[in-house]
Amino acid sequence: MSQDPFDQLHTKRSRRWVFVVLLLVAAVAGGVVYARRRSAPTGPRYLTVAVGRGEIVASVETSGSLQPDVQVQVGSQVSGRMSRVLVDFNARVTRGQLLAEIDSTPFRAAVAQSRAAVLGAQAQLQRAQVNVRLGETNLARASDLRSRGLNAPADVDAARGSRDLALADVAAARAEIARARAALSSAETNLAFTRITAPIDGVVIQRSIDEGQTVAASFQAPTLFQIAGDLTRMRIIANVDEADIAQMREHLMATARVDAFPGETFRGELIELRYGSQTTSGVVTYPAVITVANPDLKLRPGMTATVTVVAARHPGVLFVPNAALRFRPASATADGGATTIELDPHHGTLYVLRAGRPVAVPVTLGLHDDRRTEVSGAGLAEGAQVITDEIEQRASTGAPGAPGMGARRRSP
């Protein structure tokens, strides 16, 4: 019995679709295999840098405020109304120059009263001395009469008592003169204090008083003026962290920068490193005094300065980037993870690329800054390629060794 033509056509179409499906499956399988082979790791690639030679400068950076090298606060030791103010801000003054004056009327009256007290005490002394002479005469007369039996012994004793009392009055008068003269000296001193004079040569950088204002100096001397001795030489009071204090010592060279003059540096010197500590928010610091030359008067009191103190300088030494000392290859650990960074401040390990493989080289560490560290050791020479990073390279990388699709950088 012959097959129906319609059934024959359906059988042919079914075979054709099966063939197409098999081809698609084969194509997908081939693509997967090809992609896996392309993404298979082909080994790491290392980023290197050459060992350099040059100067390494170890420095400590801190900040502080600018102050005049010599600064004096001028106050008043007496109270009263300010009658005259003769100088203003930025005025140049010389030692002994009159700056201001307090109304001296009550102080002149006190001086006059004290002088009168001295004159009164002197008059009392003269009177007491006259009484002494009279007492001596009476005592001599009574003693003569007694020797002739013309008076009683009590008369001699009374004359002697009067004489001794006159001597005591002389001593008291002399003491009163000393007290009155001391009061006069104090009154004259207070009168002199009404004249406020400059204690040094300099510039008035602050004035806190006006004419007619009353000055009260009952408990402490109020500050009327502030005088800077020499603005061509300033100083910076900076706070040095306790971690950096071991690198600091007196007479080190320093540079200072201020926001008012970006890009300009001012040369200075560390002249004092104080032992007293300060603790702020749990951070321990030590005050350091840095003098800075200011010939053009650009620096002003109160400015905030960033100070860099040069602790040491080593010229012509081998150096590597700090990243090279932190690098460890993935094969250096059993689990392939990150390694522990060595904490020895004097020794470290570099990995030098030789024949395409990292070779560990122990080195001795020297000075360092924010980017580079001085190194020395056997087998280490200028120009040697030290490894700073590692890239896991795969076959699908578009450009050989370039990090991107198919490559992964491993930071130490």
Protein backbone atom coordinates (compact mmCIF):
# COMPACT_ATOMS: atom_id res chain seq x y z
CA MET A 1 0.00 0.00 0.00
CA SER A 2 1.52 3.32 -1.04
CA GLN A 3 2.20 6.21 1.52
CA ASP A 4 0.04 9.26 1.34
CA PRO A 5 1.89 12.26 -0.31
CA PHE A 6 0.92 14.51 2.55
CA ASP A 7 2.54 12.17 5.10
CA GLN A 8 5.75 12.04 3.04
CA LEU A 9 6.00 15.86 3.03
CA HIS A 10 5.49 16.03 6.79
CA THR A 11 8.23 13.43 7.39
CA LYS A 12 10.74 15.43 5.29
CA ARG A 13 10.01 18.68 7.21
CA SER A 14 10.46 16.93 10.57
CA ARG A 15 13.88 15.60 9.56
CA ARG A 16 14.93 19.07 8.39
CA TRP A 17 14.06 20.70 11.74
CA VAL A 18 15.93 18.02 13.68
CA PHE A 19 19.01 18.70 11.56
CA VAL A 20 18.75 22.47 12.21
CA VAL A 21 18.44 21.96 15.97
CA LEU A 22 21.49 19.68 16.00
CA LEU A 23 23.52 22.33 14.16
CA LEU A 24 22.49 25.03 16.65
CA VAL A 25 23.40 22.85 19.63
CA ALA A 26 26.80 22.10 18.10
CA ALA A 27 27.44 25.81 17.45
CA VAL A 28 26.58 26.81 21.03
CA ALA A 29 28.76 24.06 22.48
CA GLY A 30 31.66 25.13 20.30
CA GLY A 31 31.28 28.76 21.39
CA VAL A 32 31.31 27.81 25.05
CA VAL A 33 34.44 25.71 24.64
CA TYR A 34 36.14 28.50 22.67
CA ALA A 35 35.25 31.14 25.29
CA ARG A 36 36.58 28.98 28.11
CA ARG A 37 39.83 28.44 26.30
CA ARG A 38 40.13 32.19 25.60
CA SER A 39 39.49 33.07 29.27
CA ALA A 40 41.93 30.51 30.63
CA PRO A 41 44.66 32.23 32.75
CA THR A 42 47.99 32.59 31.03
CA GLY A 43 49.94 33.72 34.14
CA PRO A 44 50.47 37.01 35.98
CA ARG A 45 52.03 40.15 34.56
CA TYR A 46 54.07 42.43 36.85
CA LEU A 47 54.21 46.20 36.96
CA THR A 48 57.77 47.30 37.65
CA VAL A 49 59.77 50.46 38.28
CA ALA A 50 63.49 51.01 38.13
CA VAL A 51 65.55 51.55 41.29
CA GLY A 52 66.55 55.22 41.27
CA ARG A 53 69.38 57.22 42.76
CA GLY A 54 69.05 60.68 44.22
CA GLU A 55 68.36 62.64 47.40
CA ILE A 56 65.94 61.55 50.10
CA VAL A 57 64.75 64.19 52.54
CA ALA A 58 63.00 63.14 55.74
CA SER A 59 60.76 65.92 57.04
CA VAL A 60 58.01 66.54 59.58
CA GLU A 61 55.04 68.69 58.64
CA THR A 62 52.89 70.51 61.16
CA SER A 63 51.00 73.77 61.55
CA GLY A 64 50.90 76.68 63.94
CA SER A 65 50.19 80.38 64.32
CA LEU A 66 52.52 83.28 63.61
CA GLN A 67 53.55 85.62 66.40
CA PRO A 68 56.04 88.48 66.68
CA ASP A 69 59.44 87.37 67.94
CA VAL A 70 59.14 89.92 70.78
CA GLN A 71 55.68 90.94 71.93
CA VAL A 72 54.86 93.05 75.01
CA GLN A 73 51.49 93.80 76.55
CA VAL A 74 51.38 97.30 78.03
CA GLY A 75 48.95 97.78 80.91
CA SER A 76 48.06 100.22 83.68
CA GLN A 77 48.87 99.75 87.37
CA VAL A 78 46.52 102.51 88.56
CA SER A 79 42.86 103.22 88.01
CA GLY A 80 41.44 106.39 86.59
CA ARG A 81 39.98 108.17 83.60
CA MET A 82 42.03 108.11 80.41
CA SER A 83 42.75 111.75 79.61
CA ARG A 84 44.94 111.31 76.50
CA VAL A 85 45.69 108.53 73.98
CA LEU A 86 48.60 109.52 71.78
CA VAL A 87 49.17 106.46 69.53
CA ASP A 88 47.02 104.27 67.32
CA PHE A 89 47.28 100.96 65.47
CA ASN A 90 50.47 100.40 63.41
CA ALA A 91 52.19 103.36 65.07
CA ARG A 92 55.96 102.97 65.46
CA VAL A 93 57.12 103.80 68.97
CA THR A 94 60.43 104.01 70.81
CA ARG A 95 61.36 102.98 74.33
CA GLY A 96 60.08 105.53 76.85
CA GLN A 97 57.71 107.25 74.43
CA LEU A 98 54.45 108.46 75.99
CA LEU A 99 51.55 106.35 74.71
CA ALA A 100 48.67 107.54 76.89
CA GLU A 101 47.99 109.40 80.12
CA ILE A 102 45.51 108.90 82.94
CA ASP A 103 43.99 111.93 84.68
CA SER A 104 46.60 112.78 87.34
CA THR A 105 44.55 115.20 89.47
CA PRO A 106 43.77 112.80 92.36
CA PHE A 107 47.31 111.44 92.30
CA ARG A 108 48.86 114.91 92.53
CA ALA A 109 46.65 115.60 95.53
CA ALA A 110 47.85 112.39 97.15
CA VAL A 111 51.45 113.45 96.61
CA ALA A 112 50.82 116.84 98.19
CA GLN A 113 49.12 115.19 101.18
CA SER A 114 52.04 112.83 101.65
CA ARG A 115 54.54 115.69 101.54
CA ALA A 116 52.56 117.51 104.23
CA ALA A 117 52.63 114.37 106.36
CA VAL A 118 56.42 114.25 106.03
CA LEU A 119 56.71 117.89 107.15
CA GLY A 120 54.44 117.21 110.14
CA ALA A 121 56.54 114.22 111.18
CA GLN A 122 59.70 116.30 110.95
CA ALA A 123 58.14 118.95 113.19
CA GLN A 124 57.26 116.27 115.75
CA LEU A 125 60.87 115.12 115.67
CA GLN A 126 62.14 118.62 116.39
CA ARG A 127 59.73 118.96 119.31
CA ALA A 128 60.81 115.63 120.71
CA GLN A 129 64.46 116.61 120.43
CA VAL A 130 63.78 119.86 122.35
CA ASN A 131 62.10 117.82 125.08
CA VAL A 132 65.16 115.58 125.24
CA ARG A 133 67.45 118.54 125.80
CA LEU A 134 65.13 119.93 128.48
CA GLY A 135 64.98 116.53 130.15
CA GLU A 136 68.77 116.28 130.20
CA THR A 137 68.99 119.72 131.86
CA ASN A 138 66.37 118.85 134.51
CA LEU A 139 68.08 115.52 135.23
CA ALA A 140 71.45 117.23 135.69
CA ARG A 141 69.95 119.86 138.07
CA ALA A 142 68.12 117.23 140.12
CA SER A 143 71.25 115.12 140.40
CA ASP A 144 73.29 118.16 141.59
CA LEU A 145 70.71 119.05 144.24
CA ARG A 146 70.62 115.47 145.39
CA SER A 147 74.37 115.37 145.80
CA ARG A 148 74.05 118.32 148.19
CA GLY A 149 71.07 116.80 149.97
CA LEU A 150 68.67 119.50 148.91
CA ASN A 151 66.00 117.25 147.29
CA ALA A 152 64.57 113.82 147.58
CA PRO A 153 65.65 110.78 145.49
CA ALA A 154 62.20 110.78 143.91
CA ASP A 155 62.96 114.08 142.26
CA VAL A 156 65.97 112.57 140.49
CA ASP A 157 63.91 109.57 139.35
CA ALA A 158 61.16 111.83 137.95
CA ALA A 159 63.66 113.91 135.98
CA ARG A 160 65.25 110.77 134.56
CA GLY A 161 61.81 109.43 133.53
CA SER A 162 60.96 112.66 131.74
CA ARG A 163 64.26 112.53 129.88
CA ASP A 164 63.69 108.88 128.79
CA LEU A 165 60.14 109.67 127.65
CA ALA A 166 61.50 112.49 125.47
CA LEU A 167 64.01 110.04 123.90
CA ALA A 168 61.16 107.67 123.07
CA ASP A 169 59.27 110.52 121.45
CA VAL A 170 62.31 111.18 119.26
CA ALA A 171 62.36 107.55 118.10
CA ALA A 172 58.61 107.63 117.39
CA ALA A 173 58.97 110.88 115.42
CA ARG A 174 61.75 109.39 113.33
CA ALA A 175 59.60 106.32 112.62
CA GLU A 176 56.73 108.56 111.62
CA ILE A 177 59.02 110.42 109.23
CA ALA A 178 60.02 107.11 107.61
CA ARG A 179 56.37 106.08 107.23
CA ALA A 180 55.41 109.46 105.75
CA ARG A 181 58.31 109.33 103.30
CA ALA A 182 57.28 105.82 102.21
CA ALA A 183 53.72 107.07 101.64
CA LEU A 184 55.14 109.98 99.65
CA SER A 185 57.22 107.62 97.52
CA SER A 186 54.16 105.45 96.85
CA ALA A 187 52.09 108.49 95.89
CA GLU A 188 54.82 109.74 93.56
CA THR A 189 55.08 106.26 91.98
CA ASN A 190 51.32 106.16 91.37
CA LEU A 191 51.56 109.62 89.85
CA ALA A 192 54.29 108.36 87.49
CA PHE A 193 52.09 105.37 86.59
CA THR A 194 49.52 107.74 85.14
CA ARG A 195 51.94 108.16 82.20
CA ILE A 196 51.79 105.00 80.04
CA THR A 197 55.10 104.69 78.17
CA ALA A 198 56.49 102.18 75.65
CA PRO A 199 58.78 99.57 77.24
CA ILE A 200 60.46 98.65 73.93
CA ASP A 201 60.96 99.89 70.39
CA GLY A 202 58.33 98.45 68.08
CA VAL A 203 54.93 98.72 66.40
CA VAL A 204 51.54 99.03 68.09
CA ILE A 205 49.53 96.03 66.90
CA GLN A 206 46.63 96.40 69.33
CA ARG A 207 44.95 99.29 71.18
CA SER A 208 42.22 98.59 73.75
CA ILE A 209 41.54 102.04 75.20
CA ASP A 210 40.01 105.37 74.11
CA GLU A 211 40.11 108.86 75.58
CA GLY A 212 37.58 109.35 78.37
CA GLN A 213 37.38 105.65 79.15
CA THR A 214 37.88 104.61 82.78
CA VAL A 215 40.62 102.12 83.58
CA ALA A 216 40.03 99.79 86.54
CA ALA A 217 43.18 98.15 87.89
CA SER A 218 41.79 96.81 91.16
CA PHE A 219 42.70 93.13 90.73
CA GLN A 220 44.99 92.98 87.68
CA ALA A 221 46.59 95.38 85.25
CA PRO A 222 44.32 95.79 82.20
CA THR A 223 46.04 95.54 78.80
CA LEU A 224 45.93 98.88 77.00
CA PHE A 225 48.37 98.32 74.13
CA GLN A 226 50.18 95.42 72.52
CA ILE A 227 53.57 96.21 70.98
CA ALA A 228 55.50 93.94 68.60
CA GLY A 229 59.23 94.42 68.92
CA ASP A 230 60.47 93.51 65.43
CA LEU A 231 58.09 92.34 62.71
CA THR A 232 60.99 91.48 60.38
CA ARG A 233 61.52 88.37 62.48
CA MET A 234 58.49 86.25 63.35
CA ARG A 235 58.05 82.99 65.18
CA ILE A 236 55.65 80.10 64.78
CA ILE A 237 54.32 78.11 67.73
CA ALA A 238 53.63 74.69 66.18
CA ASN A 239 52.38 71.46 67.77
CA VAL A 240 54.45 68.37 66.92
CA ASP A 241 52.82 64.95 67.19
CA GLU A 242 54.41 62.58 69.69
CA ALA A 243 55.08 60.08 66.87
CA ASP A 244 57.35 62.63 65.14
CA ILE A 245 59.09 64.06 68.19
CA ALA A 246 62.04 61.63 67.91
CA GLN A 247 62.99 63.15 64.54
CA MET A 248 62.98 66.71 65.86
CA ARG A 249 65.86 68.58 67.47
CA GLU A 250 66.86 72.19 67.87
CA HIS A 251 68.60 74.15 65.09
CA LEU A 252 67.00 72.14 62.26
CA MET A 253 66.15 74.08 59.13
CA ALA A 254 62.47 74.64 58.33
CA THR A 255 60.21 76.26 55.75
CA ALA A 256 56.81 77.84 56.24
CA ARG A 257 53.86 78.45 53.93
CA VAL A 258 50.77 80.60 54.43
CA ASP A 259 47.51 80.75 52.52
CA ALA A 260 47.94 84.45 51.82
CA PHE A 261 50.97 83.79 49.58
CA PRO A 262 50.43 80.44 47.81
CA GLY A 263 53.53 78.98 46.23
CA GLU A 264 55.88 81.12 48.34
CA THR A 265 58.01 79.67 51.14
CA PHE A 266 59.66 81.41 54.07
CA ARG A 267 62.89 80.04 55.53
CA GLY A 268 63.19 79.46 59.25
CA GLU A 269 64.89 77.51 62.03
CA LEU A 270 63.65 75.35 64.89
CA ILE A 271 65.04 77.11 67.96
CA GLU A 272 63.12 75.48 70.81
CA LEU A 273 61.40 72.15 71.43
CA ARG A 274 59.52 72.33 74.69
CA TYR A 275 59.17 69.39 77.07
CA GLY A 276 55.70 70.28 78.27
CA SER A 277 53.02 68.30 76.43
CA GLN A 278 49.50 69.21 75.37
CA THR A 279 46.65 66.73 74.97
CA THR A 280 43.79 67.58 72.61
CA SER A 281 41.07 64.99 71.90
CA GLY A 282 43.42 62.24 73.07
CA VAL A 283 46.29 63.39 70.80
CA VAL A 284 49.55 64.29 72.57
CA THR A 285 51.61 67.07 71.02
CA TYR A 286 54.67 69.10 72.02
CA PRO A 287 55.09 72.83 71.29
CA ALA A 288 57.93 73.77 68.94
CA VAL A 289 59.13 77.33 68.29
CA ILE A 290 60.30 78.13 64.75
CA THR A 291 61.74 81.53 63.87
CA VAL A 292 61.01 82.83 60.37
CA ALA A 293 62.61 85.75 58.55
CA ASN A 294 60.09 88.37 57.41
CA PRO A 295 62.13 91.13 55.72
CA ASP A 296 59.25 92.27 53.48
CA LEU A 297 56.70 92.28 56.34
CA LYS A 298 54.44 89.91 54.39
CA LEU A 299 53.77 87.71 57.40
CA ARG A 300 51.33 89.12 59.94
CA PRO A 301 50.63 88.10 63.54
CA GLY A 302 47.88 85.50 63.83
CA MET A 303 48.33 83.91 60.39
CA THR A 304 48.13 80.12 60.22
CA ALA A 305 51.33 78.65 58.81
CA THR A 306 52.15 75.15 57.55
CA VAL A 307 55.67 74.27 58.68
CA THR A 308 57.98 71.65 57.19
CA VAL A 309 61.01 70.80 59.33
CA VAL A 310 63.82 68.96 57.52
CA ALA A 311 64.90 66.21 59.93
CA ALA A 312 67.59 64.58 57.71
CA ARG A 313 68.91 64.71 54.16
CA HIS A 314 70.72 61.85 52.35
CA PRO A 315 72.00 62.72 48.86
CA GLY A 316 73.03 60.17 46.18
CA VAL A 317 71.30 57.10 47.67
CA LEU A 318 69.29 54.29 46.08
CA PHE A 319 65.55 54.60 46.49
CA VAL A 320 62.36 52.77 45.49
CA PRO A 321 58.67 53.72 45.65
CA ASN A 322 57.01 52.82 48.93
CA ALA A 323 54.60 50.59 46.99
CA ALA A 324 57.51 48.28 46.09
CA LEU A 325 58.11 47.56 49.78
CA ARG A 326 54.43 46.75 50.32
CA PHE A 327 54.17 44.36 47.35
CA ARG A 328 53.98 40.59 47.87
CA PRO A 329 53.28 38.15 44.98
CA ALA A 330 50.16 35.99 45.17
CA SER A 331 52.34 32.88 45.22
CA ALA A 332 54.02 34.03 48.45
CA THR A 333 51.06 32.77 50.54
CA ALA A 334 49.53 29.34 50.66
CA ASP A 335 45.96 30.57 50.34
CA GLY A 336 46.72 33.09 47.58
CA GLY A 337 45.42 36.02 49.66
CA ALA A 338 47.12 39.18 50.81
CA THR A 339 50.22 38.87 52.94
CA THR A 340 51.09 40.65 56.15
CA ILE A 341 53.24 43.73 55.66
CA GLU A 342 56.52 43.64 57.52
CA LEU A 343 56.71 46.07 60.44
CA ASP A 344 60.50 46.14 60.88
CA PRO A 345 61.47 49.81 60.41
CA HIS A 346 65.05 48.91 59.42
CA HIS A 347 64.68 45.92 57.09
CA GLY A 348 62.34 44.94 54.29
CA THR A 349 61.95 42.78 51.20
CA LEU A 350 61.84 43.83 47.56
CA TYR A 351 60.82 41.62 44.64
CA VAL A 352 63.05 42.06 41.62
CA LEU A 353 61.85 40.81 38.22
CA ARG A 354 64.42 38.38 36.81
CA ALA A 355 63.72 36.17 33.79
CA GLY A 356 60.03 37.02 34.09
CA ARG A 357 59.79 35.81 37.69
CA PRO A 358 59.80 37.71 41.02
CA VAL A 359 62.89 37.15 43.15
CA ALA A 360 62.89 38.25 46.80
CA VAL A 361 65.78 40.55 47.75
CA PRO A 362 66.25 41.55 51.42
CA VAL A 363 67.19 45.20 51.85
CA THR A 364 68.10 47.64 54.60
CA LEU A 365 65.83 50.64 54.86
CA GLY A 366 66.95 54.23 55.42
CA LEU A 367 65.23 57.58 55.18
CA HIS A 368 61.78 57.84 53.65
CA ASP A 369 59.29 60.47 52.61
CA ASP A 370 55.67 60.23 51.48
CA ARG A 371 56.59 58.50 48.18
CA ARG A 372 60.07 56.97 48.35
CA THR A 373 62.33 55.03 50.70
CA GLU A 374 66.10 54.74 50.79
CA VAL A 375 67.26 51.11 50.33
CA SER A 376 70.55 49.26 50.26
CA GLY A 377 71.55 45.63 50.01
CA ALA A 378 73.52 43.03 48.10
CA GLY A 379 72.27 42.34 44.58
CA LEU A 380 70.46 45.67 44.37
CA ALA A 381 71.73 48.24 41.89
CA GLU A 382 70.49 51.37 40.21
CA GLY A 383 68.16 50.53 37.32
CA ALA A 384 67.05 47.14 38.69
CA GLN A 385 63.37 46.46 38.00
CA VAL A 386 61.44 46.08 41.25
CA ILE A 387 57.82 44.97 41.25
CA THR A 388 55.13 47.33 42.54
CA ASP A 389 51.96 45.46 41.49
CA GLU A 390 50.69 42.26 39.86
CA ILE A 391 48.10 41.73 37.12
CA GLU A 392 46.39 38.37 36.59
CA GLN A 393 46.37 38.19 32.78
CA ARG A 394 43.89 36.10 30.75
CA ALA A 395 43.89 35.04 27.10
CA SER A 396 40.89 37.24 26.24
CA THR A 397 42.91 40.37 26.90
CA GLY A 398 42.72 42.68 23.94
CA ALA A 399 46.24 44.12 24.37
CA PRO A 400 48.89 41.93 25.95
CA GLY A 401 49.34 42.77 29.62
CA ALA A 402 46.95 45.76 29.65
CA PRO A 403 44.53 45.71 32.57
CA GLY A 404 40.98 45.70 31.33
CA MET A 405 38.66 42.97 30.04
CA GLY A 406 40.26 39.68 30.97
CA ALA A 407 42.92 41.18 33.34
CA ARG A 408 42.69 41.90 37.07
CA ARG A 409 45.13 44.01 39.09
CA ARG A 410 46.03 42.72 42.52
CA SER A 411 46.92 45.45 44.96
CA PRO A 412 49.19 44.48 47.81
